């Protein structure tokens, strides 16, 4: 893929994707040993100042002792899928450590979406913030509320490209897959 830096800070490429600059995306820190689970979160949004929303969400997680954000990907701007008549999306991936079980994390992420102004009007609707749990190191029983890995994650360019640019310590991805 050929990327070209534009004057406005965006990178442009042939297939209508671009990278957005941010103060904390991308970012990488050392893992913390006292939090037992690793989660890969997918962030998305296309209403309002989404880049700023991602940065605020990062700071909310970092200020909560239950979470440690080990790494953020770059932010990718891309076209919507599903419902196409809406603004382009910004997407990023976040590696988070927590001792919370997956379903508890899901409830906390859904509450965060609401606090950031998310309204669930219809499937693939425009949104201020969408947080998906993509992978988890914790064992999860299949249930209606949470399927892991997240369905369709391996086909979404909005996950594959940001995830591909992240640098993982040896064995870290194995923890997420097991």
Protein backbone atom coordinates (compact mmCIF):
# COMPACT_ATOMS: atom_id res chain seq x y z
CA UNK A 1 0.00 0.00 0.00
CA UNK A 2 1.35 3.44 -0.93
CA UNK A 3 0.79 6.18 1.64
CA UNK A 4 1.33 9.86 0.92
CA UNK A 5 1.47 12.52 3.68
CA UNK A 6 -0.83 15.48 2.98
CA UNK A 7 -0.44 19.02 4.37
CA UNK A 8 -3.40 18.58 6.75
CA UNK A 9 -1.71 15.72 8.65
CA UNK A 10 -3.63 12.93 6.92
CA UNK A 11 -1.98 10.15 4.98
CA UNK A 12 -3.63 9.33 1.68
CA UNK A 13 -3.63 5.97 -0.07
CA UNK A 14 -5.17 4.57 -3.23
CA UNK A 15 -8.09 2.79 -1.60
CA UNK A 16 -9.57 5.84 0.20
CA UNK A 17 -8.03 5.10 3.59
CA UNK A 18 -5.98 7.57 5.56
CA UNK A 19 -4.25 7.84 8.92
CA UNK A 20 -5.14 10.56 11.42
CA UNK A 21 -2.57 12.13 13.77
CA UNK A 22 -3.29 12.14 17.50
CA UNK A 23 -1.52 12.86 20.77
CA UNK A 24 -1.98 9.31 22.12
CA UNK A 25 -2.66 7.23 19.00
CA UNK A 26 -0.34 5.39 18.34
CA UNK A 27 1.18 4.82 21.79
CA UNK A 28 2.97 1.91 23.48
CA UNK A 29 3.80 1.22 27.15
CA UNK A 30 5.16 -1.72 29.15
CA UNK A 31 2.69 -4.36 30.31
CA UNK A 32 1.66 -4.46 33.94
CA UNK A 33 1.97 -7.84 35.60
CA UNK A 34 -0.79 -7.41 38.21
CA UNK A 35 -3.69 -7.38 35.72
CA UNK A 36 -4.41 -10.90 34.51
CA UNK A 37 -6.43 -10.46 31.29
CA UNK A 38 -5.53 -8.92 27.94
CA UNK A 39 -8.23 -7.42 25.76
CA UNK A 40 -8.00 -6.08 22.25
CA UNK A 41 -10.61 -3.35 21.81
CA UNK A 42 -11.77 -1.91 18.52
CA UNK A 43 -12.76 1.76 18.59
CA UNK A 44 -14.91 3.43 15.96
CA UNK A 45 -16.94 6.54 15.40
CA UNK A 46 -18.12 8.96 12.76
CA UNK A 47 -20.08 11.70 14.55
CA UNK A 48 -18.50 14.77 16.13
CA UNK A 49 -14.79 15.13 16.85
CA UNK A 50 -14.02 11.40 16.90
CA UNK A 51 -10.23 11.80 17.27
CA UNK A 52 -10.77 13.87 20.41
CA UNK A 53 -13.37 11.35 21.61
CA UNK A 54 -10.80 8.53 21.26
CA UNK A 55 -8.26 10.57 23.23
CA UNK A 56 -10.81 11.29 25.98
CA UNK A 57 -11.79 7.59 26.10
CA UNK A 58 -8.11 6.65 26.45
CA UNK A 59 -7.73 9.08 29.36
CA UNK A 60 -10.89 7.73 31.04
CA UNK A 61 -9.50 4.17 30.90
CA UNK A 62 -6.04 5.27 32.06
CA UNK A 63 -7.53 7.07 35.08
CA UNK A 64 -9.45 3.94 36.15
CA UNK A 65 -7.33 1.57 38.29
CA UNK A 66 -9.15 -1.44 36.81
CA UNK A 67 -7.51 -0.80 33.42
CA UNK A 68 -4.07 -0.35 31.93
CA UNK A 69 -3.82 0.72 28.30
CA UNK A 70 -0.65 -0.98 27.06
CA UNK A 71 -0.86 0.13 23.44
CA UNK A 72 -2.91 2.13 20.94
CA UNK A 73 -2.75 1.75 17.18
CA UNK A 74 -2.77 4.57 14.70
CA UNK A 75 -6.19 6.02 13.83
CA UNK A 76 -7.51 5.01 10.43
CA UNK A 77 -10.10 6.99 8.45
CA UNK A 78 -12.18 4.76 6.21
CA UNK A 79 -15.51 4.40 4.44
CA UNK A 80 -18.56 3.03 6.28
CA UNK A 81 -19.91 -0.44 5.57
CA UNK A 82 -23.42 -1.79 5.99
CA UNK A 83 -25.31 1.52 5.98
CA UNK A 84 -23.33 3.60 3.45
CA UNK A 85 -25.14 6.96 3.55
CA UNK A 86 -23.17 8.38 6.49
CA UNK A 87 -19.84 10.12 7.19
CA UNK A 88 -16.51 8.26 7.03
CA UNK A 89 -15.40 6.44 10.18
CA UNK A 90 -12.30 6.78 12.30
CA UNK A 91 -11.11 3.45 13.73
CA UNK A 92 -8.34 2.35 16.06
CA UNK A 93 -7.32 -0.68 18.10
CA UNK A 94 -6.39 -0.58 21.79
CA UNK A 95 -4.61 -3.27 23.84
CA UNK A 96 -5.91 -3.13 27.42
CA UNK A 97 -5.05 -5.12 30.54
CA UNK A 98 -7.67 -5.71 33.23
CA UNK A 99 -8.59 -8.31 35.82
CA UNK A 100 -12.26 -7.88 34.97
CA UNK A 101 -14.10 -10.79 33.36
CA UNK A 102 -15.20 -10.26 29.73
CA UNK A 103 -18.93 -9.74 30.37
CA UNK A 104 -18.21 -7.14 33.05
CA UNK A 105 -15.85 -5.36 30.67
CA UNK A 106 -18.57 -5.42 27.99
CA UNK A 107 -21.06 -3.72 30.34
CA UNK A 108 -18.50 -1.05 31.28
CA UNK A 109 -17.69 -0.39 27.61
CA UNK A 110 -21.41 -0.10 26.76
CA UNK A 111 -21.85 2.44 29.60
CA UNK A 112 -18.85 4.37 28.28
CA UNK A 113 -20.41 4.48 24.80
CA UNK A 114 -23.56 6.01 26.32
CA UNK A 115 -21.54 8.59 28.29
CA UNK A 116 -19.84 9.59 25.03
CA UNK A 117 -23.24 10.13 23.38
CA UNK A 118 -23.82 6.86 21.53
CA UNK A 119 -27.41 6.27 20.42
CA UNK A 120 -28.34 2.84 19.07
CA UNK A 121 -30.98 3.74 16.47
CA UNK A 122 -30.36 0.93 13.95
CA UNK A 123 -27.64 -1.54 12.88
CA UNK A 124 -24.53 0.20 11.47
CA UNK A 125 -25.96 3.63 12.34
CA UNK A 126 -23.68 6.66 12.69
CA UNK A 127 -22.17 6.92 16.18
CA UNK A 128 -19.96 9.04 18.41
CA UNK A 129 -18.10 6.07 19.92
CA UNK A 130 -18.30 2.33 19.37
CA UNK A 131 -16.16 0.01 21.50
CA UNK A 132 -15.95 -3.66 20.48
CA UNK A 133 -14.10 -6.39 22.35
CA UNK A 134 -12.25 -8.06 19.48
CA UNK A 135 -10.17 -10.65 21.36
CA UNK A 136 -9.64 -11.66 24.99
CA UNK A 137 -7.09 -13.77 26.83
CA UNK A 138 -9.78 -14.66 29.40
CA UNK A 139 -11.87 -17.74 28.77
CA UNK A 140 -15.36 -16.84 27.60
CA UNK A 141 -18.35 -19.09 27.23
CA UNK A 142 -20.23 -18.37 24.02
CA UNK A 143 -23.29 -16.29 24.81
CA UNK A 144 -25.67 -13.95 23.03
CA UNK A 145 -24.12 -10.78 24.49
CA UNK A 146 -20.48 -11.50 23.63
CA UNK A 147 -18.86 -13.63 20.93
CA UNK A 148 -15.06 -13.84 20.86
CA UNK A 149 -13.22 -13.38 18.69
CA UNK A 150 -15.58 -10.66 17.48
CA UNK A 151 -17.51 -11.84 14.37
CA UNK A 152 -16.04 -10.55 11.12
CA UNK A 153 -12.89 -9.17 12.75
CA UNK A 154 -10.60 -10.95 10.31
CA UNK A 155 -12.27 -9.29 7.29
CA UNK A 156 -12.42 -5.69 8.53
CA UNK A 157 -9.74 -3.41 7.13
CA UNK A 158 -10.58 -1.04 10.01
CA UNK A 159 -9.12 -3.66 12.38
CA UNK A 160 -6.51 -5.38 10.22
CA UNK A 161 -4.49 -2.27 9.27
CA UNK A 162 -4.32 -0.68 12.76
CA UNK A 163 -3.57 -4.07 14.32
CA UNK A 164 -0.89 -4.75 11.73
CA UNK A 165 1.06 -1.61 12.62
CA UNK A 166 1.12 -2.35 16.36
CA UNK A 167 4.27 -3.87 17.83
CA UNK A 168 3.67 -6.80 20.13
CA UNK A 169 6.03 -8.42 22.57
CA UNK A 170 6.71 -12.06 21.71
CA UNK A 171 3.91 -14.28 23.00
CA UNK A 172 1.43 -11.47 23.61
CA UNK A 173 -0.81 -12.40 20.69
CA UNK A 174 -0.67 -16.05 21.79
CA UNK A 175 -2.26 -14.95 25.08
CA UNK A 176 -5.10 -13.33 23.14
CA UNK A 177 -5.69 -16.36 20.92
CA UNK A 178 -5.68 -19.00 23.66
